[in-house]
Structures are given as structure tokens and as C-alpha cells.
Amino acid sequence: MSDLSKLIRPWDKSEVKWRVGSLTKDKKKTLPLAYVDARVVMERLDEAMGAANWQDRYEFHGSRIICYLSIRIDDEWITKADGAGDSNVEAEKGGISDAFKRASVKWGMGRELYELKCKYMPIDAFNQIVGDPWNNLVKGEIPPDNSEKEEAERIAKEIEERKKEE
């Protein structure tokens, strides 16, 4: 049985990773960016919808990759799409992963990550963030946890009820 509310549930801190974002002019500090791995998104889709109730397909347009992420709801496939270019690491594979994650955001997954703002943090000689970005969020930011789960479930139920009324 599918449960759309599970799709939009905020990611747990343990599922979130951080990467180097914008660098200072001297290249000694970065604005960390939060993200989740594509496999975590796949696990969420499996958990919420069931493995047989979602599918992805890709189109390549030059260096751009478009992911079409479809979810079966009441025996109807609904598709949302987004794209990305090749990434800096394993260009084509990374682009596919990025396009998939961007398409998942269209379904409500991970939108809260865009709201997390970190202060500049030092990076080491290997271009890795020094310290824990969770401890360096701009004042007022709330790390994602499952405290917003009830609100996500309420919104998803409203969506389901509206669909039934149609």
C-alpha cells in the first residue's frame, strides 16, 4: 500500500550528507551544502510506494540528463521530471543521480534541505569540510528530524482526500 506522506517526510540527520559549496576567495572556507544520496531516495520510494509502484527513465540532451520519475497512484502513473548536467565526479553517472534526486524534489522529497543555511566553514588540504555543519547552521535553522512528520502526513492525507473527491 502506498503512503505519499512518507515521501515528504523530512530526512533524518543520519541520512543527510554535506558537500563543499561556494568557496571564499582564498579557497580556505566553504558554504556547506546538504544533500542525500540517490540510494536513500530509492529506499524512501520503496518504503512509501512499494518497489513496483515507482519507476524512472532518462533522456540525454547533450550534456543534460532529464529524469522522468513516475509514481503509480490509484492505478494511474503520474510523472514529474527534472534535469541536471554532468557532475564533477563520474560525470555521466553523477548527472543521472543528480537528475533523479532533482526529480524526487518535485515529489516533495528533500525540499527542506534547500532551507538549511550554514555559515562558512574551513576546508582541509583535501577539500573536505572541517567540522560538523549541523553545529554551524545559521541561527534560527532547524535541522530536519521527524518532528515534522505529523504535518507531512496531514498534508499527504489532504491530497489523497482531494483526489478521492475528484
Foldseek 3Di string as FASTA:
>chain_A
DAALLLLQQADAPVQKDWAFDDADPVRFKGWIAIDGFLVVNLVSCCVHQNNVFKDWDWDDDPQKIKIWIWGQDPNDTDTFMDIAGFDPPPGPVVRVRVRSRVRSVVSNHPPLRVVWTFDIAGADPVRHGDDDRVVGTDPPRDDRDRPCSVVSSVVSVVVVVVVVVD
